PDB file of all heavy atoms in Angstrom:
ATOM      1  N   GLU A   1     -44.849 102.433-122.616  1.00  0.00           N
ATOM      2  CA  GLU A   1     -46.296 102.308-122.809  1.00  0.00           C
ATOM      3  C   GLU A   1     -46.760 103.221-123.952  1.00  0.00           C
ATOM      4  O   GLU A   1     -47.602 102.792-124.761  1.00  0.00           O
ATOM      5  CB  GLU A   1     -47.021 102.690-121.509  1.00  0.00           C
ATOM      6  CG  GLU A   1     -46.845 101.699-120.386  1.00  0.00           C
ATOM      7  CD  GLU A   1     -47.479 102.170-119.090  1.00  0.00           C
ATOM      8  OE1 GLU A   1     -48.073 103.279-119.115  1.00  0.00           O
ATOM      9  OE2 GLU A   1     -47.328 101.462-118.060  1.00  0.00           O
ATOM     10  N   GLU A   2     -46.225 104.420-124.024  1.00  0.00           N
ATOM     11  CA  GLU A   2     -46.636 105.356-125.076  1.00  0.00           C
ATOM     12  C   GLU A   2     -46.228 104.897-126.453  1.00  0.00           C
ATOM     13  O   GLU A   2     -46.908 105.166-127.445  1.00  0.00           O
ATOM     14  CB  GLU A   2     -46.005 106.734-124.801  1.00  0.00           C
ATOM     15  CG  GLU A   2     -46.608 107.456-123.605  1.00  0.00           C
ATOM     16  CD  GLU A   2     -47.955 108.093-123.925  1.00  0.00           C
ATOM     17  OE1 GLU A   2     -48.258 108.262-125.111  1.00  0.00           O
ATOM     18  OE2 GLU A   2     -48.703 108.389-122.959  1.00  0.00           O
ATOM     19  N   THR A   3     -45.056 104.257-126.581  1.00  0.00           N
ATOM     20  CA  THR A   3     -44.514 103.884-127.886  1.00  0.00           C
ATOM     21  C   THR A   3     -44.777 102.433-128.267  1.00  0.00           C
ATOM     22  O   THR A   3     -44.542 102.056-129.401  1.00  0.00           O
ATOM     23  CB  THR A   3     -43.012 104.169-127.938  1.00  0.00           C
ATOM     24  OG1 THR A   3     -42.370 103.419-126.879  1.00  0.00           O
ATOM     25  CG2 THR A   3     -42.702 105.630-127.760  1.00  0.00           C
ATOM     26  N   GLY A   4     -45.197 101.655-127.314  1.00  0.00           N
ATOM     27  CA  GLY A   4     -45.458 100.226-127.592  1.00  0.00           C
ATOM     28  C   GLY A   4     -44.232  99.367-127.741  1.00  0.00           C
ATOM     29  O   GLY A   4     -44.283  98.338-128.409  1.00  0.00           O
ATOM     30  N   VAL A   5     -43.133  99.800-127.129  1.00  0.00           N
ATOM     31  CA  VAL A   5     -41.906  99.013-127.165  1.00  0.00           C
ATOM     32  C   VAL A   5     -41.588  98.538-125.764  1.00  0.00           C
ATOM     33  O   VAL A   5     -42.227  98.946-124.790  1.00  0.00           O
ATOM     34  CB  VAL A   5     -40.706  99.839-127.745  1.00  0.00           C
ATOM     35  CG1 VAL A   5     -41.026 100.273-129.162  1.00  0.00           C
ATOM     36  CG2 VAL A   5     -40.393 101.029-126.836  1.00  0.00           C
ATOM     37  N   SER A   6     -40.574  97.675-125.654  1.00  0.00           N
ATOM     38  CA  SER A   6     -40.231  97.164-124.340  1.00  0.00           C
ATOM     39  C   SER A   6     -39.423  98.159-123.535  1.00  0.00           C
ATOM     40  O   SER A   6     -38.828  99.120-124.081  1.00  0.00           O
ATOM     41  CB  SER A   6     -39.400  95.876-124.503  1.00  0.00           C
ATOM     42  OG  SER A   6     -38.127  96.211-125.039  1.00  0.00           O
ATOM     43  N   VAL A   7     -39.388  97.947-122.214  1.00  0.00           N
ATOM     44  CA  VAL A   7     -38.596  98.833-121.363  1.00  0.00           C
ATOM     45  C   VAL A   7     -37.128  98.721-121.697  1.00  0.00           C
ATOM     46  O   VAL A   7     -36.379  99.700-121.640  1.00  0.00           O
ATOM     47  CB  VAL A   7     -38.857  98.455-119.860  1.00  0.00           C
ATOM     48  CG1 VAL A   7     -37.872  99.206-118.941  1.00  0.00           C
ATOM     49  CG2 VAL A   7     -40.312  98.729-119.474  1.00  0.00           C
ATOM     50  N   ILE A   8     -36.670  97.518-122.105  1.00  0.00           N
ATOM     51  CA  ILE A   8     -35.268  97.314-122.499  1.00  0.00           C
ATOM     52  C   ILE A   8     -34.941  98.197-123.709  1.00  0.00           C
ATOM     53  O   ILE A   8     -33.875  98.784-123.763  1.00  0.00           O
ATOM     54  CB  ILE A   8     -34.989  95.834-122.783  1.00  0.00           C
ATOM     55  CG1 ILE A   8     -35.127  95.028-121.496  1.00  0.00           C
ATOM     56  CG2 ILE A   8     -33.648  95.648-123.414  1.00  0.00           C
ATOM     57  CD1 ILE A   8     -34.938  93.511-121.682  1.00  0.00           C
ATOM     58  N   THR A   9     -35.865  98.266-124.655  1.00  0.00           N
ATOM     59  CA  THR A   9     -35.647  99.111-125.842  1.00  0.00           C
ATOM     60  C   THR A   9     -35.484 100.567-125.402  1.00  0.00           C
ATOM     61  O   THR A   9     -34.590 101.284-125.905  1.00  0.00           O
ATOM     62  CB  THR A   9     -36.842  98.981-126.817  1.00  0.00           C
ATOM     63  OG1 THR A   9     -36.894  97.636-127.292  1.00  0.00           O
ATOM     64  CG2 THR A   9     -36.683  99.941-127.987  1.00  0.00           C
ATOM     65  N   VAL A  10     -36.336 101.024-124.484  1.00  0.00           N
ATOM     66  CA  VAL A  10     -36.235 102.393-123.994  1.00  0.00           C
ATOM     67  C   VAL A  10     -34.937 102.608-123.283  1.00  0.00           C
ATOM     68  O   VAL A  10     -34.260 103.644-123.441  1.00  0.00           O
ATOM     69  CB  VAL A  10     -37.427 102.718-123.060  1.00  0.00           C
ATOM     70  CG1 VAL A  10     -37.269 104.125-122.474  1.00  0.00           C
ATOM     71  CG2 VAL A  10     -38.755 102.599-123.783  1.00  0.00           C
ATOM     72  N   GLU A  11     -34.487 101.576-122.509  1.00  0.00           N
ATOM     73  CA  GLU A  11     -33.196 101.689-121.810  1.00  0.00           C
ATOM     74  C   GLU A  11     -32.043 101.900-122.743  1.00  0.00           C
ATOM     75  O   GLU A  11     -31.115 102.687-122.498  1.00  0.00           O
ATOM     76  CB  GLU A  11     -32.975 100.450-120.922  1.00  0.00           C
ATOM     77  CG  GLU A  11     -33.846 100.410-119.696  1.00  0.00           C
ATOM     78  CD  GLU A  11     -33.622  99.137-118.860  1.00  0.00           C
ATOM     79  OE1 GLU A  11     -32.936  98.240-119.376  1.00  0.00           O
ATOM     80  OE2 GLU A  11     -34.085  99.079-117.712  1.00  0.00           O
ATOM     81  N   HIS A  12     -32.088 101.167-123.902  1.00  0.00           N
ATOM     82  CA  HIS A  12     -31.044 101.333-124.901  1.00  0.00           C
ATOM     83  C   HIS A  12     -30.994 102.758-125.421  1.00  0.00           C
ATOM     84  O   HIS A  12     -29.945 103.372-125.574  1.00  0.00           O
ATOM     85  CB  HIS A  12     -31.266 100.346-126.059  1.00  0.00           C
ATOM     86  CG  HIS A  12     -30.960  98.923-125.714  1.00  0.00           C
ATOM     87  ND1 HIS A  12     -29.930  98.598-124.833  1.00  0.00           N
ATOM     88  CD2 HIS A  12     -31.474  97.753-126.183  1.00  0.00           C
ATOM     89  CE1 HIS A  12     -29.882  97.246-124.771  1.00  0.00           C
ATOM     90  NE2 HIS A  12     -30.785  96.735-125.558  1.00  0.00           N
ATOM     91  N   ALA A  13     -32.198 103.326-125.685  1.00  0.00           N
ATOM     92  CA  ALA A  13     -32.269 104.701-126.206  1.00  0.00           C
ATOM     93  C   ALA A  13     -31.765 105.676-125.188  1.00  0.00           C
ATOM     94  O   ALA A  13     -31.055 106.643-125.499  1.00  0.00           O
ATOM     95  CB  ALA A  13     -33.706 105.020-126.603  1.00  0.00           C
ATOM     96  N   MET A  14     -32.147 105.440-123.889  1.00  0.00           N
ATOM     97  CA  MET A  14     -31.702 106.331-122.823  1.00  0.00           C
ATOM     98  C   MET A  14     -30.180 106.247-122.644  1.00  0.00           C
ATOM     99  O   MET A  14     -29.525 107.291-122.363  1.00  0.00           O
ATOM    100  CB  MET A  14     -32.403 105.954-121.510  1.00  0.00           C
ATOM    101  CG  MET A  14     -33.901 106.240-121.508  1.00  0.00           C
ATOM    102  SD  MET A  14     -34.246 107.996-121.704  1.00  0.00           S
ATOM    103  CE  MET A  14     -35.967 108.036-121.283  1.00  0.00           C
ATOM    104  N   THR A  15     -29.627 105.062-122.752  1.00  0.00           N
ATOM    105  CA  THR A  15     -28.159 104.937-122.628  1.00  0.00           C
ATOM    106  C   THR A  15     -27.453 105.749-123.705  1.00  0.00           C
ATOM    107  O   THR A  15     -26.439 106.422-123.423  1.00  0.00           O
ATOM    108  CB  THR A  15     -27.794 103.450-122.760  1.00  0.00           C
ATOM    109  OG1 THR A  15     -28.396 102.712-121.703  1.00  0.00           O
ATOM    110  CG2 THR A  15     -26.277 103.278-122.673  1.00  0.00           C
ATOM    111  N   LEU A  16     -27.972 105.703-124.909  1.00  0.00           N
ATOM    112  CA  LEU A  16     -27.393 106.500-125.977  1.00  0.00           C
ATOM    113  C   LEU A  16     -27.459 107.984-125.699  1.00  0.00           C
ATOM    114  O   LEU A  16     -26.489 108.732-125.889  1.00  0.00           O
ATOM    115  CB  LEU A  16     -28.099 106.186-127.313  1.00  0.00           C
ATOM    116  CG  LEU A  16     -27.543 105.045-128.159  1.00  0.00           C
ATOM    117  CD1 LEU A  16     -28.359 104.961-129.452  1.00  0.00           C
ATOM    118  CD2 LEU A  16     -26.084 105.222-128.466  1.00  0.00           C
ATOM    119  N   LEU A  17     -28.609 108.432-125.202  1.00  0.00           N
ATOM    120  CA  LEU A  17     -28.779 109.862-124.882  1.00  0.00           C
ATOM    121  C   LEU A  17     -27.735 110.284-123.844  1.00  0.00           C
ATOM    122  O   LEU A  17     -27.174 111.375-123.962  1.00  0.00           O
ATOM    123  CB  LEU A  17     -30.186 110.109-124.356  1.00  0.00           C
ATOM    124  CG  LEU A  17     -31.334 110.115-125.388  1.00  0.00           C
ATOM    125  CD1 LEU A  17     -32.657 110.225-124.640  1.00  0.00           C
ATOM    126  CD2 LEU A  17     -31.168 111.202-126.384  1.00  0.00           C
ATOM    127  N   CYS A  18     -27.515 109.458-122.848  1.00  0.00           N
ATOM    128  CA  CYS A  18     -26.543 109.807-121.798  1.00  0.00           C
ATOM    129  C   CYS A  18     -25.124 109.766-122.357  1.00  0.00           C
ATOM    130  O   CYS A  18     -24.312 110.634-122.052  1.00  0.00           O
ATOM    131  CB  CYS A  18     -26.686 108.843-120.598  1.00  0.00           C
ATOM    132  SG  CYS A  18     -28.234 109.054-119.662  1.00  0.00           S
ATOM    133  N   GLU A  19     -24.816 108.741-123.186  1.00  0.00           N
ATOM    134  CA  GLU A  19     -23.486 108.661-123.737  1.00  0.00           C
ATOM    135  C   GLU A  19     -23.119 109.833-124.619  1.00  0.00           C
ATOM    136  O   GLU A  19     -22.022 110.289-124.640  1.00  0.00           O
ATOM    137  CB  GLU A  19     -23.356 107.373-124.591  1.00  0.00           C
ATOM    138  CG  GLU A  19     -23.251 106.092-123.757  1.00  0.00           C
ATOM    139  CD  GLU A  19     -23.107 104.871-124.611  1.00  0.00           C
ATOM    140  OE1 GLU A  19     -23.240 105.006-125.862  1.00  0.00           O
ATOM    141  OE2 GLU A  19     -22.907 103.761-124.074  1.00  0.00           O
ATOM    142  N   GLU A  20     -24.128 110.362-125.335  1.00  0.00           N
ATOM    143  CA  GLU A  20     -23.850 111.455-126.253  1.00  0.00           C
ATOM    144  C   GLU A  20     -23.980 112.828-125.618  1.00  0.00           C
ATOM    145  O   GLU A  20     -23.805 113.830-126.262  1.00  0.00           O
ATOM    146  CB  GLU A  20     -24.827 111.395-127.429  1.00  0.00           C
ATOM    147  CG  GLU A  20     -24.809 110.078-128.221  1.00  0.00           C
ATOM    148  CD  GLU A  20     -23.409 109.572-128.457  1.00  0.00           C
ATOM    149  OE1 GLU A  20     -22.553 110.421-128.838  1.00  0.00           O
ATOM    150  OE2 GLU A  20     -23.163 108.397-128.253  1.00  0.00           O
ATOM    151  N   GLY A  21     -24.263 112.844-124.322  1.00  0.00           N
ATOM    152  CA  GLY A  21     -24.269 114.113-123.618  1.00  0.00           C
ATOM    153  C   GLY A  21     -25.555 114.910-123.683  1.00  0.00           C
ATOM    154  O   GLY A  21     -25.574 116.088-123.294  1.00  0.00           O
ATOM    155  N   TYR A  22     -26.612 114.295-124.193  1.00  0.00           N
ATOM    156  CA  TYR A  22     -27.900 115.021-124.211  1.00  0.00           C
ATOM    157  C   TYR A  22     -28.556 114.998-122.839  1.00  0.00           C
ATOM    158  O   TYR A  22     -29.257 115.927-122.463  1.00  0.00           O
ATOM    159  CB  TYR A  22     -28.847 114.359-125.228  1.00  0.00           C
ATOM    160  CG  TYR A  22     -28.496 114.573-126.654  1.00  0.00           C
ATOM    161  CD1 TYR A  22     -27.898 113.566-127.418  1.00  0.00           C
ATOM    162  CD2 TYR A  22     -28.778 115.768-127.303  1.00  0.00           C
ATOM    163  CE1 TYR A  22     -27.553 113.769-128.721  1.00  0.00           C
ATOM    164  CE2 TYR A  22     -28.442 115.945-128.608  1.00  0.00           C
ATOM    165  CZ  TYR A  22     -27.828 114.944-129.360  1.00  0.00           C
ATOM    166  OH  TYR A  22     -27.506 115.147-130.681  1.00  0.00           O
ATOM    167  N   THR A  23     -28.358 113.907-122.125  1.00  0.00           N
ATOM    168  CA  THR A  23     -29.007 113.743-120.820  1.00  0.00           C
ATOM    169  C   THR A  23     -27.998 113.172-119.808  1.00  0.00           C
ATOM    170  O   THR A  23     -26.930 112.722-120.201  1.00  0.00           O
ATOM    171  CB  THR A  23     -30.204 112.769-120.891  1.00  0.00           C
ATOM    172  OG1 THR A  23     -29.741 111.495-121.335  1.00  0.00           O
ATOM    173  CG2 THR A  23     -31.269 113.290-121.849  1.00  0.00           C
ATOM    174  N   GLU A  24     -28.421 113.162-118.546  1.00  0.00           N
ATOM    175  CA  GLU A  24     -27.637 112.449-117.532  1.00  0.00           C
ATOM    176  C   GLU A  24     -28.592 111.782-116.582  1.00  0.00           C
ATOM    177  O   GLU A  24     -29.698 112.273-116.331  1.00  0.00           O
ATOM    178  CB  GLU A  24     -26.711 113.397-116.800  1.00  0.00           C
ATOM    179  CG  GLU A  24     -27.387 114.376-115.869  1.00  0.00           C
ATOM    180  CD  GLU A  24     -26.390 115.227-115.074  1.00  0.00           C
ATOM    181  OE1 GLU A  24     -25.200 115.260-115.427  1.00  0.00           O
ATOM    182  OE2 GLU A  24     -26.827 115.880-114.107  1.00  0.00           O
ATOM    183  N   SER A  25     -28.158 110.646-116.064  1.00  0.00           N
ATOM    184  CA  SER A  25     -28.982 109.886-115.127  1.00  0.00           C
ATOM    185  C   SER A  25     -28.625 110.300-113.704  1.00  0.00           C
ATOM    186  O   SER A  25     -27.438 110.355-113.308  1.00  0.00           O
ATOM    187  CB  SER A  25     -28.709 108.384-115.318  1.00  0.00           C
ATOM    188  OG  SER A  25     -29.444 107.626-114.378  1.00  0.00           O
ATOM    189  N   ARG A  26     -29.648 110.619-112.919  1.00  0.00           N
ATOM    190  CA  ARG A  26     -29.461 110.969-111.511  1.00  0.00           C
ATOM    191  C   ARG A  26     -30.104 109.946-110.625  1.00  0.00           C
ATOM    192  O   ARG A  26     -31.277 109.645-110.772  1.00  0.00           O
ATOM    193  CB  ARG A  26     -30.025 112.383-111.242  1.00  0.00           C
ATOM    194  CG  ARG A  26     -29.378 113.460-112.089  1.00  0.00           C
ATOM    195  CD  ARG A  26     -30.017 114.834-111.908  1.00  0.00           C
ATOM    196  NE  ARG A  26     -29.460 115.791-112.827  1.00  0.00           N
ATOM    197  CZ  ARG A  26     -29.960 117.014-113.032  1.00  0.00           C
ATOM    198  NH1 ARG A  26     -31.020 117.412-112.329  1.00  0.00           N
ATOM    199  NH2 ARG A  26     -29.392 117.833-113.892  1.00  0.00           N
ATOM    200  N   GLN A  27     -29.311 109.401-109.717  1.00  0.00           N
ATOM    201  CA  GLN A  27     -29.772 108.278-108.940  1.00  0.00           C
ATOM    202  C   GLN A  27     -31.058 108.616-108.180  1.00  0.00           C
ATOM    203  O   GLN A  27     -31.173 109.646-107.525  1.00  0.00           O
ATOM    204  CB  GLN A  27     -28.672 107.882-107.928  1.00  0.00           C
ATOM    205  CG  GLN A  27     -28.942 106.545-107.240  1.00  0.00           C
ATOM    206  CD  GLN A  27     -27.752 106.099-106.450  1.00  0.00           C
ATOM    207  OE1 GLN A  27     -26.858 106.885-106.183  1.00  0.00           O
ATOM    208  NE2 GLN A  27     -27.744 104.849-106.026  1.00  0.00           N
ATOM    209  N   ARG A  28     -32.058 107.765-108.362  1.00  0.00           N
ATOM    210  CA  ARG A  28     -33.366 107.846-107.684  1.00  0.00           C
ATOM    211  C   ARG A  28     -34.170 109.088-108.113  1.00  0.00           C
ATOM    212  O   ARG A  28     -35.185 109.390-107.508  1.00  0.00           O
ATOM    213  CB  ARG A  28     -33.218 107.831-106.170  1.00  0.00           C
ATOM    214  CG  ARG A  28     -32.594 106.570-105.626  1.00  0.00           C
ATOM    215  CD  ARG A  28     -32.438 106.637-104.130  1.00  0.00           C
ATOM    216  NE  ARG A  28     -31.817 105.426-103.581  1.00  0.00           N
ATOM    217  CZ  ARG A  28     -31.510 105.228-102.323  1.00  0.00           C
ATOM    218  NH1 ARG A  28     -31.797 106.203-101.422  1.00  0.00           N
ATOM    219  NH2 ARG A  28     -30.936 104.130-101.943  1.00  0.00           N
ATOM    220  N   SER A  29     -33.694 109.760-109.157  1.00  0.00           N
ATOM    221  CA  SER A  29     -34.418 110.968-109.612  1.00  0.00           C
ATOM    222  C   SER A  29     -34.907 110.849-111.045  1.00  0.00           C
ATOM    223  O   SER A  29     -35.923 111.422-111.399  1.00  0.00           O
ATOM    224  CB  SER A  29     -33.535 112.194-109.483  1.00  0.00           C
ATOM    225  OG  SER A  29     -33.208 112.448-108.128  1.00  0.00           O
TER     226      SER A  29
END
């Protein structure tokens, strides 16, 4: 909503962040 892009686009960016070790996904959190 803030950037005006699709949720899928955000998911791609988030996947990259996790792959590169900047972030990690925690189930239901």
